[in-house]
Amino acid sequence: MPEIDDKTMVEIEAAAFRTLRDHLMNKRPDVQNIDMMNLAGFCRNCLSRWVQEAANARGIEMSKAEARELYYGMPYEDWKAQSQTEATPEQKAAFEVAFAENVGPKETS
């Protein structure tokens, strides 16, 4: 493996993240978040949450809605309306399992 300094490594990782985001948002918007979560244990919402957590860890106040808008490039509800379909009962049941295994218990409000 080539010798890579920390700054360059961060830039490479950031470029890979941007490529993943572009792929999911522009090349494969047809792939449903629930299917990603059920198969891979993460989805676009997880990626936006990871952005929020990274910002918050650095002292930058960022809400869930702000992180989602940053990631999706628009308010999440707008993207959801244009790109997501209603989940089937089977998808929803699989999601409950995948969410618990990969994210943790759902918060009740």
Protein backbone atom coordinates (compact mmCIF):
# COMPACT_ATOMS: atom_id res chain seq x y z
CA MET A 1 0.00 0.00 0.00
CA PRO A 2 1.38 3.44 -0.84
CA GLU A 3 2.33 5.84 1.94
CA ILE A 4 -0.55 8.29 2.35
CA ASP A 5 -0.48 11.22 4.78
CA ASP A 6 -3.51 11.86 7.02
CA LYS A 7 -4.75 14.92 5.11
CA THR A 8 -4.64 13.10 1.78
CA MET A 9 -6.38 10.08 3.29
CA VAL A 10 -9.22 12.28 4.55
CA GLU A 11 -9.53 13.80 1.06
CA ILE A 12 -9.62 10.32 -0.53
CA GLU A 13 -12.26 9.13 1.94
CA ALA A 14 -14.33 12.28 1.37
CA ALA A 15 -14.14 11.77 -2.40
CA ALA A 16 -15.30 8.16 -1.97
CA PHE A 17 -18.23 9.33 0.19
CA ARG A 18 -19.22 11.93 -2.42
CA THR A 19 -19.08 9.24 -5.12
CA LEU A 20 -21.28 6.94 -3.02
CA ARG A 21 -23.75 9.76 -2.41
CA ASP A 22 -23.83 10.65 -6.12
CA HIS A 23 -24.35 7.01 -7.04
CA LEU A 24 -27.26 6.58 -4.61
CA MET A 25 -28.88 9.94 -5.36
CA ASN A 26 -28.37 10.30 -9.12
CA LYS A 27 -27.55 6.94 -10.64
CA ARG A 28 -29.76 4.73 -8.43
CA PRO A 29 -32.56 6.82 -6.93
CA ASP A 30 -34.81 3.85 -7.76
CA VAL A 31 -33.21 1.79 -5.00
CA GLN A 32 -35.50 2.14 -2.01
CA ASN A 33 -34.05 3.07 1.39
CA ILE A 34 -35.94 0.23 3.03
CA ASP A 35 -34.37 -2.31 0.66
CA MET A 36 -30.90 -0.90 1.34
CA MET A 37 -31.50 -1.14 5.07
CA ASN A 38 -32.88 -4.65 4.84
CA LEU A 39 -30.00 -5.91 2.68
CA ALA A 40 -27.01 -3.83 3.76
CA GLY A 41 -27.92 -2.58 7.24
CA PHE A 42 -27.72 1.08 6.22
CA CYS A 43 -29.48 3.50 3.88
CA ARG A 44 -29.35 7.12 2.77
CA ASN A 45 -30.88 8.20 6.07
CA CYS A 46 -28.06 6.43 7.92
CA LEU A 47 -25.53 8.29 5.79
CA SER A 48 -27.19 11.60 6.61
CA ARG A 49 -27.23 10.64 10.31
CA TRP A 50 -23.51 9.87 10.14
CA VAL A 51 -22.94 13.33 8.64
CA GLN A 52 -24.94 14.84 11.52
CA GLU A 53 -23.01 12.84 14.12
CA ALA A 54 -19.65 13.83 12.60
CA ALA A 55 -20.68 17.51 12.60
CA ASN A 56 -21.98 17.35 16.16
CA ALA A 57 -18.78 15.61 17.32
CA ARG A 58 -16.87 18.61 15.98
CA GLY A 59 -19.07 21.08 17.85
CA ILE A 60 -21.20 21.98 14.82
CA GLU A 61 -24.89 22.09 15.69
CA MET A 62 -26.82 20.16 13.03
CA SER A 63 -30.31 18.76 13.36
CA LYS A 64 -31.56 15.55 11.78
CA ALA A 65 -33.60 17.60 9.28
CA GLU A 66 -30.59 19.79 8.42
CA ALA A 67 -28.36 16.75 7.90
CA ARG A 68 -30.94 15.11 5.67
CA GLU A 69 -31.36 18.26 3.60
CA LEU A 70 -27.58 18.53 3.26
CA TYR A 71 -27.32 14.89 2.18
CA TYR A 72 -30.40 14.77 -0.08
CA GLY A 73 -29.89 18.25 -1.55
CA MET A 74 -33.50 19.12 -0.69
CA PRO A 75 -35.88 18.66 2.21
CA TYR A 76 -36.18 14.93 2.91
CA GLU A 77 -39.96 14.92 2.50
CA ASP A 78 -39.56 16.34 -1.03
CA TRP A 79 -37.05 13.65 -2.00
CA LYS A 80 -39.16 10.94 -0.39
CA ALA A 81 -42.24 12.08 -2.35
CA GLN A 82 -40.38 12.01 -5.65
CA SER A 83 -38.25 8.89 -5.17
CA GLN A 84 -39.67 6.46 -2.62
CA THR A 85 -42.59 4.08 -2.89
CA GLU A 86 -44.83 2.71 -0.16
CA ALA A 87 -43.17 -0.22 1.60
CA THR A 88 -44.86 -3.60 1.57
CA PRO A 89 -45.76 -5.31 4.85
CA GLU A 90 -42.89 -7.77 4.21
CA GLN A 91 -40.41 -4.92 3.71
CA LYS A 92 -41.63 -3.24 6.90
CA ALA A 93 -41.26 -6.44 8.93
CA ALA A 94 -37.73 -7.00 7.59
CA PHE A 95 -36.91 -3.36 8.34
CA GLU A 96 -37.85 -3.74 12.01
CA VAL A 97 -35.30 -6.55 12.30
CA ALA A 98 -32.60 -4.76 10.25
CA PHE A 99 -33.06 -1.51 12.16
CA ALA A 100 -32.78 -3.22 15.55
CA GLU A 101 -29.68 -5.14 14.46
CA ASN A 102 -27.89 -2.22 12.81
CA VAL A 103 -29.07 0.95 14.50
CA GLY A 104 -30.64 -0.04 17.80
CA PRO A 105 -34.07 0.19 19.37
CA LYS A 106 -36.36 2.73 17.77
CA GLU A 107 -37.04 5.81 19.83
CA THR A 108 -40.64 6.24 20.86
CA SER A 109 -42.07 9.72 20.95
